Amino acid sequence: MVLIVRGLISVKPRGLPSMPRQPSAGERGPDRQGTLRAFGLKVRDVRIARGLSQEQLAAACGLDRTYIGGVERGERNLGLLNIVRIARTLSLKPAELLETLE
C-alpha cells in the first residue's frame, strides 16, 4: 500500500500485521470500574479503621492527597509500587488489599 500525503510517500509492506486497536474507555467499562471501585472501598475502609485522614495516609505513603482520593473513588488505576506503598502504610500485605477483588 502506498499513501501520499502532501508530497510525502509512505509505503506499508504487505503481509505485516497492523497494531491491534486499544479498547476505548467504554469498552473497558463496568468490570474495570467495578474492580477499581472495590479496591478503593477497601483502602477507604482500612484507612478509616486506622483513624487516618486521606491527607495523613497520602503523606505517610509519599503520595498526593488527591491521588488517594481518586484511588478511593475508583478513578485511579494503580501501579504495583503504589499498591505496595499503600498496603505497607496501612500495615497490610498487598494481597490483603487485593483479596476483595476475587
PDB file of N, CA and C in Angstrom:
ATOM      1  N   MET A   1       0.850  -1.168   0.000  1.00  0.00           N
ATOM      2  CA  MET A   1       0.000   0.000   0.000  1.00  0.00           C
ATOM      3  C   MET A   1       0.890   1.223   0.000  1.00  0.00           C
ATOM      4  N   VAL A   2       0.571   2.199  -0.814  1.00  0.00           N
ATOM      5  CA  VAL A   2       1.319   3.451  -0.874  1.00  0.00           C
ATOM      6  C   VAL A   2       0.364   4.571  -0.510  1.00  0.00           C
ATOM      7  N   LEU A   3       0.804   5.432   0.384  1.00  0.00           N
ATOM      8  CA  LEU A   3      -0.012   6.546   0.838  1.00  0.00           C
ATOM      9  C   LEU A   3       0.742   7.830   0.542  1.00  0.00           C
ATOM     10  N   ILE A   4       0.120   8.745  -0.173  1.00  0.00           N
ATOM     11  CA  ILE A   4       0.756  10.018  -0.490  1.00  0.00           C
ATOM     12  C   ILE A   4      -0.040  11.114   0.211  1.00  0.00           C
ATOM     13  N   VAL A   5       0.651  11.834   1.099  1.00  0.00           N
ATOM     14  CA  VAL A   5       0.027  12.926   1.834  1.00  0.00           C
ATOM     15  C   VAL A   5       0.917  14.151   1.684  1.00  0.00           C
ATOM     16  N   ARG A   6       0.433  15.177   1.009  1.00  0.00           N
ATOM     17  CA  ARG A   6       1.155  16.428   0.806  1.00  0.00           C
ATOM     18  C   ARG A   6       2.601  16.204   0.364  1.00  0.00           C
ATOM     19  N   GLY A   7       2.764  15.342  -0.558  1.00  0.00           N
ATOM     20  CA  GLY A   7       4.080  15.118  -1.120  1.00  0.00           C
ATOM     21  C   GLY A   7       4.927  14.097  -0.382  1.00  0.00           C
ATOM     22  N   LEU A   8       4.493  13.637   0.766  1.00  0.00           N
ATOM     23  CA  LEU A   8       5.226  12.618   1.500  1.00  0.00           C
ATOM     24  C   LEU A   8       4.723  11.255   1.071  1.00  0.00           C
ATOM     25  N   ILE A   9       5.610  10.319   0.913  1.00  0.00           N
ATOM     26  CA  ILE A   9       5.228   8.983   0.485  1.00  0.00           C
ATOM     27  C   ILE A   9       5.519   8.010   1.615  1.00  0.00           C
ATOM     28  N   SER A  10       4.531   7.215   1.944  1.00  0.00           N
ATOM     29  CA  SER A  10       4.685   6.190   2.966  1.00  0.00           C
ATOM     30  C   SER A  10       4.337   4.853   2.351  1.00  0.00           C
ATOM     31  N   VAL A  11       5.194   3.883   2.547  1.00  0.00           N
ATOM     32  CA  VAL A  11       4.962   2.558   1.990  1.00  0.00           C
ATOM     33  C   VAL A  11       4.786   1.579   3.140  1.00  0.00           C
ATOM     34  N   LYS A  12       3.669   0.866   3.113  1.00  0.00           N
ATOM     35  CA  LYS A  12       3.411  -0.162   4.123  1.00  0.00           C
ATOM     36  C   LYS A  12       3.603  -1.512   3.453  1.00  0.00           C
ATOM     37  N   PRO A  13       4.615  -2.265   3.880  1.00  0.00           N
ATOM     38  CA  PRO A  13       4.827  -3.576   3.264  1.00  0.00           C
ATOM     39  C   PRO A  13       3.621  -4.479   3.491  1.00  0.00           C
ATOM     40  N   ARG A  14       3.310  -5.258   2.498  1.00  0.00           N
ATOM     41  CA  ARG A  14       2.199  -6.199   2.625  1.00  0.00           C
ATOM     42  C   ARG A  14       2.592  -7.355   3.522  1.00  0.00           C
ATOM     43  N   GLY A  15       1.614  -7.910   4.178  1.00  0.00           N
ATOM     44  CA  GLY A  15       1.846  -9.094   4.991  1.00  0.00           C
ATOM     45  C   GLY A  15       2.204  -8.787   6.436  1.00  0.00           C
ATOM     46  N   LEU A  16       2.520  -7.538   6.755  1.00  0.00           N
ATOM     47  CA  LEU A  16       2.805  -7.203   8.144  1.00  0.00           C
ATOM     48  C   LEU A  16       1.499  -6.860   8.848  1.00  0.00           C
ATOM     49  N   PRO A  17       1.309  -7.408  10.025  1.00  0.00           N
ATOM     50  CA  PRO A  17       0.063  -7.107  10.731  1.00  0.00           C
ATOM     51  C   PRO A  17       0.077  -5.677  11.251  1.00  0.00           C
ATOM     52  N   SER A  18      -1.080  -5.073  11.280  1.00  0.00           N
ATOM     53  CA  SER A  18      -1.180  -3.733  11.858  1.00  0.00           C
ATOM     54  C   SER A  18      -1.277  -3.868  13.376  1.00  0.00           C
ATOM     55  N   MET A  19      -1.031  -2.781  14.074  1.00  0.00           N
ATOM     56  CA  MET A  19      -1.095  -2.779  15.532  1.00  0.00           C
ATOM     57  C   MET A  19      -2.539  -3.031  15.979  1.00  0.00           C
ATOM     58  N   PRO A  20      -2.725  -3.829  17.019  1.00  0.00           N
ATOM     59  CA  PRO A  20      -4.087  -4.060  17.495  1.00  0.00           C
ATOM     60  C   PRO A  20      -4.682  -2.776  18.060  1.00  0.00           C
ATOM     61  N   ARG A  21      -5.946  -2.621  17.877  1.00  0.00           N
ATOM     62  CA  ARG A  21      -6.656  -1.441  18.364  1.00  0.00           C
ATOM     63  C   ARG A  21      -6.864  -1.553  19.860  1.00  0.00           C
ATOM     64  N   GLN A  22      -6.586  -0.466  20.567  1.00  0.00           N
ATOM     65  CA  GLN A  22      -6.810  -0.424  22.009  1.00  0.00           C
ATOM     66  C   GLN A  22      -8.300  -0.209  22.278  1.00  0.00           C
ATOM     67  N   PRO A  23      -8.860  -0.910  23.249  1.00  0.00           N
ATOM     68  CA  PRO A  23     -10.277  -0.695  23.555  1.00  0.00           C
ATOM     69  C   PRO A  23     -10.492   0.697  24.139  1.00  0.00           C
ATOM     70  N   SER A  24     -11.608   1.290  23.797  1.00  0.00           N
ATOM     71  CA  SER A  24     -11.929   2.607  24.343  1.00  0.00           C
ATOM     72  C   SER A  24     -12.377   2.452  25.791  1.00  0.00           C
ATOM     73  N   ALA A  25     -12.474   3.569  26.487  1.00  0.00           N
ATOM     74  CA  ALA A  25     -12.872   3.544  27.891  1.00  0.00           C
ATOM     75  C   ALA A  25     -14.230   2.873  28.063  1.00  0.00           C
ATOM     76  N   GLY A  26     -15.141   3.103  27.129  1.00  0.00           N
ATOM     77  CA  GLY A  26     -16.464   2.495  27.213  1.00  0.00           C
ATOM     78  C   GLY A  26     -16.430   0.992  27.049  1.00  0.00           C
ATOM     79  N   GLU A  27     -15.485   0.496  26.246  1.00  0.00           N
ATOM     80  CA  GLU A  27     -15.375  -0.945  26.040  1.00  0.00           C
ATOM     81  C   GLU A  27     -14.744  -1.638  27.242  1.00  0.00           C
ATOM     82  N   ARG A  28     -13.916  -0.913  27.995  1.00  0.00           N
ATOM     83  CA  ARG A  28     -13.308  -1.482  29.202  1.00  0.00           C
ATOM     84  C   ARG A  28     -14.305  -1.438  30.348  1.00  0.00           C
ATOM     85  N   GLY A  29     -15.193  -0.533  30.287  1.00  0.00           N
ATOM     86  CA  GLY A  29     -16.333  -0.245  31.110  1.00  0.00           C
ATOM     87  C   GLY A  29     -16.525  -0.812  32.498  1.00  0.00           C
ATOM     88  N   PRO A  30     -17.675  -1.411  32.731  1.00  0.00           N
ATOM     89  CA  PRO A  30     -18.131  -1.746  34.071  1.00  0.00           C
ATOM     90  C   PRO A  30     -17.209  -2.656  34.869  1.00  0.00           C
ATOM     91  N   ASP A  31     -16.634  -3.675  34.249  1.00  0.00           N
ATOM     92  CA  ASP A  31     -15.770  -4.575  35.005  1.00  0.00           C
ATOM     93  C   ASP A  31     -14.558  -3.842  35.551  1.00  0.00           C
ATOM     94  N   ARG A  32     -13.975  -3.010  34.729  1.00  0.00           N
ATOM     95  CA  ARG A  32     -12.808  -2.237  35.147  1.00  0.00           C
ATOM     96  C   ARG A  32     -13.201  -1.282  36.270  1.00  0.00           C
ATOM     97  N   GLN A  33     -14.266  -0.546  36.067  1.00  0.00           N
ATOM     98  CA  GLN A  33     -14.700   0.417  37.083  1.00  0.00           C
ATOM     99  C   GLN A  33     -15.081  -0.279  38.380  1.00  0.00           C
ATOM    100  N   GLY A  34     -15.748  -1.407  38.279  1.00  0.00           N
ATOM    101  CA  GLY A  34     -16.138  -2.143  39.474  1.00  0.00           C
ATOM    102  C   GLY A  34     -14.943  -2.632  40.264  1.00  0.00           C
ATOM    103  N   THR A  35     -13.920  -3.079  39.570  1.00  0.00           N
ATOM    104  CA  THR A  35     -12.705  -3.551  40.222  1.00  0.00           C
ATOM    105  C   THR A  35     -11.989  -2.408  40.917  1.00  0.00           C
ATOM    106  N   LEU A  36     -11.842  -1.287  40.225  1.00  0.00           N
ATOM    107  CA  LEU A  36     -11.169  -0.133  40.819  1.00  0.00           C
ATOM    108  C   LEU A  36     -11.958   0.409  42.005  1.00  0.00           C
ATOM    109  N   ARG A  37     -13.274   0.405  41.872  1.00  0.00           N
ATOM    110  CA  ARG A  37     -14.131   0.904  42.961  1.00  0.00           C
ATOM    111  C   ARG A  37     -14.033  -0.018  44.179  1.00  0.00           C
ATOM    112  N   ALA A  38     -14.043  -1.327  43.983  1.00  0.00           N
ATOM    113  CA  ALA A  38     -13.938  -2.281  45.096  1.00  0.00           C
ATOM    114  C   ALA A  38     -12.602  -2.127  45.810  1.00  0.00           C
ATOM    115  N   PHE A  39     -11.528  -1.952  45.044  1.00  0.00           N
ATOM    116  CA  PHE A  39     -10.215  -1.747  45.643  1.00  0.00           C
ATOM    117  C   PHE A  39     -10.210  -0.453  46.465  1.00  0.00           C
ATOM    118  N   GLY A  40     -10.759   0.601  45.891  1.00  0.00           N
ATOM    119  CA  GLY A  40     -10.809   1.892  46.575  1.00  0.00           C
ATOM    120  C   GLY A  40     -11.607   1.844  47.867  1.00  0.00           C
ATOM    121  N   LEU A  41     -12.722   1.122  47.852  1.00  0.00           N
ATOM    122  CA  LEU A  41     -13.532   0.996  49.065  1.00  0.00           C
ATOM    123  C   LEU A  41     -12.780   0.244  50.155  1.00  0.00           C
ATOM    124  N   LYS A  42     -12.006  -0.749  49.770  1.00  0.00           N
ATOM    125  CA  LYS A  42     -11.196  -1.493  50.738  1.00  0.00           C
ATOM    126  C   LYS A  42     -10.155  -0.566  51.365  1.00  0.00           C
ATOM    127  N   VAL A  43      -9.485   0.237  50.537  1.00  0.00           N
ATOM    128  CA  VAL A  43      -8.496   1.190  51.051  1.00  0.00           C
ATOM    129  C   VAL A  43      -9.172   2.165  52.009  1.00  0.00           C
ATOM    130  N   ARG A  44     -10.324   2.684  51.618  1.00  0.00           N
ATOM    131  CA  ARG A  44     -11.039   3.646  52.467  1.00  0.00           C
ATOM    132  C   ARG A  44     -11.451   3.014  53.801  1.00  0.00           C
ATOM    133  N   ASP A  45     -11.997   1.811  53.748  1.00  0.00           N
ATOM    134  CA  ASP A  45     -12.433   1.132  54.976  1.00  0.00           C
ATOM    135  C   ASP A  45     -11.269   0.930  55.940  1.00  0.00           C
ATOM    136  N   VAL A  46     -10.139   0.479  55.430  1.00  0.00           N
ATOM    137  CA  VAL A  46      -8.981   0.236  56.293  1.00  0.00           C
ATOM    138  C   VAL A  46      -8.419   1.558  56.809  1.00  0.00           C
ATOM    139  N   ARG A  47      -8.346   2.571  55.943  1.00  0.00           N
ATOM    140  CA  ARG A  47      -7.842   3.886  56.362  1.00  0.00           C
ATOM    141  C   ARG A  47      -8.670   4.450  57.508  1.00  0.00           C
ATOM    142  N   ILE A  48      -9.982   4.375  57.381  1.00  0.00           N
ATOM    143  CA  ILE A  48     -10.872   4.892  58.425  1.00  0.00           C
ATOM    144  C   ILE A  48     -10.730   4.072  59.698  1.00  0.00           C
ATOM    145  N   ALA A  49     -10.626   2.751  59.561  1.00  0.00           N
ATOM    146  CA  ALA A  49     -10.447   1.883  60.732  1.00  0.00           C
ATOM    147  C   ALA A  49      -9.147   2.206  61.467  1.00  0.00           C
ATOM    148  N   ARG A  50      -8.138   2.662  60.735  1.00  0.00           N
ATOM    149  CA  ARG A  50      -6.849   3.031  61.347  1.00  0.00           C
ATOM    150  C   ARG A  50      -6.855   4.462  61.878  1.00  0.00           C
ATOM    151  N   GLY A  51      -7.951   5.171  61.640  1.00  0.00           N
ATOM    152  CA  GLY A  51      -8.075   6.541  62.136  1.00  0.00           C
ATOM    153  C   GLY A  51      -7.241   7.554  61.367  1.00  0.00           C
ATOM    154  N   LEU A  52      -7.023   7.287  60.079  1.00  0.00           N
ATOM    155  CA  LEU A  52      -6.220   8.181  59.254  1.00  0.00           C
ATOM    156  C   LEU A  52      -7.098   8.986  58.312  1.00  0.00           C
ATOM    157  N   SER A  53      -6.710  10.223  58.082  1.00  0.00           N
ATOM    158  CA  SER A  53      -7.369  11.017  57.046  1.00  0.00           C
ATOM    159  C   SER A  53      -6.693  10.686  55.716  1.00  0.00           C
ATOM    160  N   GLN A  54      -7.311  11.090  54.622  1.00  0.00           N
ATOM    161  CA  GLN A  54      -6.680  10.902  53.314  1.00  0.00           C
ATOM    162  C   GLN A  54      -5.338  11.611  53.273  1.00  0.00           C
ATOM    163  N   GLU A  55      -5.289  12.792  53.859  1.00  0.00           N
ATOM    164  CA  GLU A  55      -4.048  13.567  53.863  1.00  0.00           C
ATOM    165  C   GLU A  55      -2.946  12.864  54.651  1.00  0.00           C
ATOM    166  N   GLN A  56      -3.295  12.296  55.794  1.00  0.00           N
ATOM    167  CA  GLN A  56      -2.307  11.575  56.599  1.00  0.00           C
ATOM    168  C   GLN A  56      -1.801  10.324  55.880  1.00  0.00           C
ATOM    169  N   LEU A  57      -2.718   9.586  55.269  1.00  0.00           N
ATOM    170  CA  LEU A  57      -2.324   8.390  54.523  1.00  0.00           C
ATOM    171  C   LEU A  57      -1.420   8.767  53.355  1.00  0.00           C
ATOM    172  N   ALA A  58      -1.803   9.790  52.635  1.00  0.00           N
ATOM    173  CA  ALA A  58      -1.013  10.230  51.481  1.00  0.00           C
ATOM    174  C   ALA A  58       0.398  10.639  51.904  1.00  0.00           C
ATOM    175  N   ALA A  59       0.510  11.404  52.974  1.00  0.00           N
ATOM    176  CA  ALA A  59       1.824  11.849  53.445  1.00  0.00           C
ATOM    177  C   ALA A  59       2.687  10.661  53.866  1.00  0.00           C
ATOM    178  N   ALA A  60       2.083   9.703  54.551  1.00  0.00           N
ATOM    179  CA  ALA A  60       2.825   8.526  55.008  1.00  0.00           C
ATOM    180  C   ALA A  60       3.276   7.652  53.828  1.00  0.00           C
ATOM    181  N   CYS A  61       2.486   7.646  52.747  1.00  0.00           N
ATOM    182  CA  CYS A  61       2.815   6.851  51.552  1.00  0.00           C
ATOM    183  C   CYS A  61       3.764   7.583  50.615  1.00  0.00           C
ATOM    184  N   GLY A  62       3.864   8.893  50.775  1.00  0.00           N
ATOM    185  CA  GLY A  62       4.641   9.680  49.822  1.00  0.00           C
ATOM    186  C   GLY A  62       3.870   9.955  48.544  1.00  0.00           C
ATOM    187  N   LEU A  63       2.546   9.977  48.654  1.00  0.00           N
ATOM    188  CA  LEU A  63       1.673  10.238  47.507  1.00  0.00           C
ATOM    189  C   LEU A  63       0.878  11.514  47.768  1.00  0.00           C
ATOM    190  N   ASP A  64       0.239  12.031  46.750  1.00  0.00           N
ATOM    191  CA  ASP A  64      -0.578  13.229  46.890  1.00  0.00           C
ATOM    192  C   ASP A  64      -1.953  12.876  47.448  1.00  0.00           C
ATOM    193  N   ARG A  65      -2.522  13.786  48.227  1.00  0.00           N
ATOM    194  CA  ARG A  65      -3.850  13.572  48.814  1.00  0.00           C
ATOM    195  C   ARG A  65      -4.909  13.353  47.745  1.00  0.00           C
ATOM    196  N   THR A  66      -4.807  14.083  46.651  1.00  0.00           N
ATOM    197  CA  THR A  66      -5.807  13.936  45.585  1.00  0.00           C
ATOM    198  C   THR A  66      -5.689  12.569  44.909  1.00  0.00           C
ATOM    199  N   TYR A  67      -4.493  12.002  44.903  1.00  0.00           N
ATOM    200  CA  TYR A  67      -4.298  10.668  44.333  1.00  0.00           C
ATOM    201  C   TYR A  67      -5.024   9.634  45.197  1.00  0.00           C
ATOM    202  N   ILE A  68      -4.875   9.745  46.520  1.00  0.00           N
ATOM    203  CA  ILE A  68      -5.551   8.816  47.438  1.00  0.00           C
ATOM    204  C   ILE A  68      -7.064   8.949  47.279  1.00  0.00           C
ATOM    205  N   GLY A  69      -7.558  10.177  47.160  1.00  0.00           N
ATOM    206  CA  GLY A  69      -8.988  10.385  46.941  1.00  0.00           C
ATOM    207  C   GLY A  69      -9.458   9.720  45.658  1.00  0.00           C
ATOM    208  N   GLY A  70      -8.671   9.846  44.597  1.00  0.00           N
ATOM    209  CA  GLY A  70      -9.004   9.207  43.327  1.00  0.00           C
ATOM    210  C   GLY A  70      -8.995   7.689  43.421  1.00  0.00           C
ATOM    211  N   VAL A  71      -8.047   7.147  44.188  1.00  0.00           N
ATOM    212  CA  VAL A  71      -7.999   5.696  44.406  1.00  0.00           C
ATOM    213  C   VAL A  71      -9.270   5.242  45.106  1.00  0.00           C
ATOM    214  N   GLU A  72      -9.637   5.941  46.169  1.00  0.00           N
ATOM    215  CA  GLU A  72     -10.817   5.547  46.952  1.00  0.00           C
ATOM    216  C   GLU A  72     -12.114   5.658  46.159  1.00  0.00           C
ATOM    217  N   ARG A  73     -12.177   6.566  45.207  1.00  0.00           N
ATOM    218  CA  ARG A  73     -13.379   6.708  44.367  1.00  0.00           C
ATOM    219  C   ARG A  73     -13.352   5.780  43.158  1.00  0.00           C
ATOM    220  N   GLY A  74     -12.268   5.029  42.980  1.00  0.00           N
ATOM    221  CA  GLY A  74     -12.161   4.115  41.845  1.00  0.00           C
ATOM    222  C   GLY A  74     -11.814   4.809  40.550  1.00  0.00           C
ATOM    223  N   GLU A  75     -11.198   5.977  40.636  1.00  0.00           N
ATOM    224  CA  GLU A  75     -10.837   6.751  39.453  1.00  0.00           C
ATOM    225  C   GLU A  75      -9.403   6.518  39.003  1.00  0.00           C
ATOM    226  N   ARG A  76      -8.616   5.848  39.822  1.00  0.00           N
ATOM    227  CA  ARG A  76      -7.195   5.636  39.515  1.00  0.00           C
ATOM    228  C   ARG A  76      -6.899   4.165  39.293  1.00  0.00           C
ATOM    229  N   ASN A  77      -6.125   3.880  38.265  1.00  0.00           N
ATOM    230  CA  ASN A  77      -5.650   2.532  38.009  1.00  0.00           C
ATOM    231  C   ASN A  77      -4.222   2.477  38.537  1.00  0.00           C
ATOM    232  N   LEU A  78      -4.052   1.945  39.731  1.00  0.00           N
ATOM    233  CA  LEU A  78      -2.778   1.995  40.424  1.00  0.00           C
ATOM    234  C   LEU A  78      -1.732   1.082  39.819  1.00  0.00           C
ATOM    235  N   GLY A  79      -0.482   1.491  39.959  1.00  0.00           N
ATOM    236  CA  GLY A  79       0.646   0.634  39.624  1.00  0.00           C
ATOM    237  C   GLY A  79       0.984  -0.224  40.836  1.00  0.00           C
ATOM    238  N   LEU A  80       1.732  -1.276  40.605  1.00  0.00           N
ATOM    239  CA  LEU A  80       2.100  -2.217  41.663  1.00  0.00           C
ATOM    240  C   LEU A  80       2.818  -1.530  42.823  1.00  0.00           C
ATOM    241  N   LEU A  81       3.750  -0.644  42.522  1.00  0.00           N
ATOM    242  CA  LEU A  81       4.510   0.004  43.591  1.00  0.00           C
ATOM    243  C   LEU A  81       3.619   0.856  44.489  1.00  0.00           C
ATOM    244  N   ASN A  82       2.616   1.495  43.917  1.00  0.00           N
ATOM    245  CA  ASN A  82       1.707   2.297  44.742  1.00  0.00           C
ATOM    246  C   ASN A  82       0.789   1.412  45.579  1.00  0.00           C
ATOM    247  N   ILE A  83       0.407   0.258  45.061  1.00  0.00           N
ATOM    248  CA  ILE A  83      -0.378  -0.689  45.866  1.00  0.00           C
ATOM    249  C   ILE A  83       0.455  -1.134  47.060  1.00  0.00           C
ATOM    250  N   VAL A  84       1.721  -1.443  46.827  1.00  0.00           N
ATOM    251  CA  VAL A  84       2.611  -1.872  47.912  1.00  0.00           C
ATOM    252  C   VAL A  84       2.802  -0.748  48.918  1.00  0.00           C
ATOM    253  N   ARG A  85       3.009   0.473  48.464  1.00  0.00           N
ATOM    254  CA  ARG A  85       3.172   1.623  49.376  1.00  0.00           C
ATOM    255  C   ARG A  85       1.952   1.783  50.286  1.00  0.00           C
ATOM    256  N   ILE A  86       0.779   1.754  49.685  1.00  0.00           N
ATOM    257  CA  ILE A  86      -0.453   1.943  50.458  1.00  0.00           C
ATOM    258  C   ILE A  86      -0.637   0.798  51.441  1.00  0.00           C
ATOM    259  N   ALA A  87      -0.422  -0.426  50.990  1.00  0.00           N
ATOM    260  CA  ALA A  87      -0.591  -1.598  51.860  1.00  0.00           C
ATOM    261  C   ALA A  87       0.364  -1.526  53.053  1.00  0.00           C
ATOM    262  N   ARG A  88       1.620  -1.242  52.800  1.00  0.00           N
ATOM    263  CA  ARG A  88       2.597  -1.166  53.897  1.00  0.00           C
ATOM    264  C   ARG A  88       2.244  -0.058  54.881  1.00  0.00           C
ATOM    265  N   THR A  89       1.799   1.066  54.380  1.00  0.00           N
ATOM    266  CA  THR A  89       1.421   2.174  55.255  1.00  0.00           C
ATOM    267  C   THR A  89       0.228   1.799  56.128  1.00  0.00           C
ATOM    268  N   LEU A  90      -0.664   0.984  55.593  1.00  0.00           N
ATOM    269  CA  LEU A  90      -1.837   0.532  56.351  1.00  0.00           C
ATOM    270  C   LEU A  90      -1.550  -0.743  57.151  1.00  0.00           C
ATOM    271  N   SER A  91      -0.281  -1.163  57.196  1.00  0.00           N
ATOM    272  CA  SER A  91       0.147  -2.369  57.912  1.00  0.00           C
ATOM    273  C   SER A  91      -0.553  -3.621  57.395  1.00  0.00           C
ATOM    274  N   LEU A  92      -0.654  -3.709  56.085  1.00  0.00           N
ATOM    275  CA  LEU A  92      -1.260  -4.864  55.422  1.00  0.00           C
ATOM    276  C   LEU A  92      -0.281  -5.435  54.415  1.00  0.00           C
ATOM    277  N   LYS A  93      -0.529  -6.669  54.016  1.00  0.00           N
ATOM    278  CA  LYS A  93       0.157  -7.236  52.866  1.00  0.00           C
ATOM    279  C   LYS A  93      -0.618  -6.783  51.633  1.00  0.00           C
ATOM    280  N   PRO A  94       0.058  -6.552  50.530  1.00  0.00           N
ATOM    281  CA  PRO A  94      -0.670  -6.134  49.316  1.00  0.00           C
ATOM    282  C   PRO A  94      -1.808  -7.113  48.959  1.00  0.00           C
ATOM    283  N   ALA A  95      -1.599  -8.394  49.199  1.00  0.00           N
ATOM    284  CA  ALA A  95      -2.634  -9.379  48.876  1.00  0.00           C
ATOM    285  C   ALA A  95      -3.903  -9.142  49.675  1.00  0.00           C
ATOM    286  N   GLU A  96      -3.778  -8.596  50.881  1.00  0.00           N
ATOM    287  CA  GLU A  96      -4.970  -8.329  51.696  1.00  0.00           C
ATOM    288  C   GLU A  96      -5.832  -7.231  51.082  1.00  0.00           C
ATOM    289  N   LEU A  97      -5.209  -6.281  50.410  1.00  0.00           N
ATOM    290  CA  LEU A  97      -5.997  -5.261  49.721  1.00  0.00           C
ATOM    291  C   LEU A  97      -6.645  -5.822  48.462  1.00  0.00           C
ATOM    292  N   LEU A  98      -5.990  -6.812  47.863  1.00  0.00           N
ATOM    293  CA  LEU A  98      -6.479  -7.350  46.594  1.00  0.00           C
ATOM    294  C   LEU A  98      -7.463  -8.494  46.764  1.00  0.00           C
ATOM    295  N   GLU A  99      -7.524  -9.098  47.939  1.00  0.00           N
ATOM    296  CA  GLU A  99      -8.366 -10.298  48.101  1.00  0.00           C
ATOM    297  C   GLU A  99      -9.841 -10.006  47.934  1.00  0.00           C
ATOM    298  N   THR A 100     -10.263  -8.769  48.125  1.00  0.00           N
ATOM    299  CA  THR A 100     -11.670  -8.438  47.964  1.00  0.00           C
ATOM    300  C   THR A 100     -12.089  -8.410  46.494  1.00  0.00           C
ATOM    301  N   LEU A 101     -11.117  -8.471  45.583  1.00  0.00           N
ATOM    302  CA  LEU A 101     -11.400  -8.362  44.163  1.00  0.00           C
ATOM    303  C   LEU A 101     -11.737  -9.684  43.511  1.00  0.00           C
ATOM    304  N   GLU A 102     -11.661 -10.783  44.235  1.00  0.00           N
ATOM    305  CA  GLU A 102     -11.903 -12.110  43.669  1.00  0.00           C
ATOM    306  C   GLU A 102     -13.338 -12.320  43.289  1.00  0.00           C
TER     307      GLU A 102
END
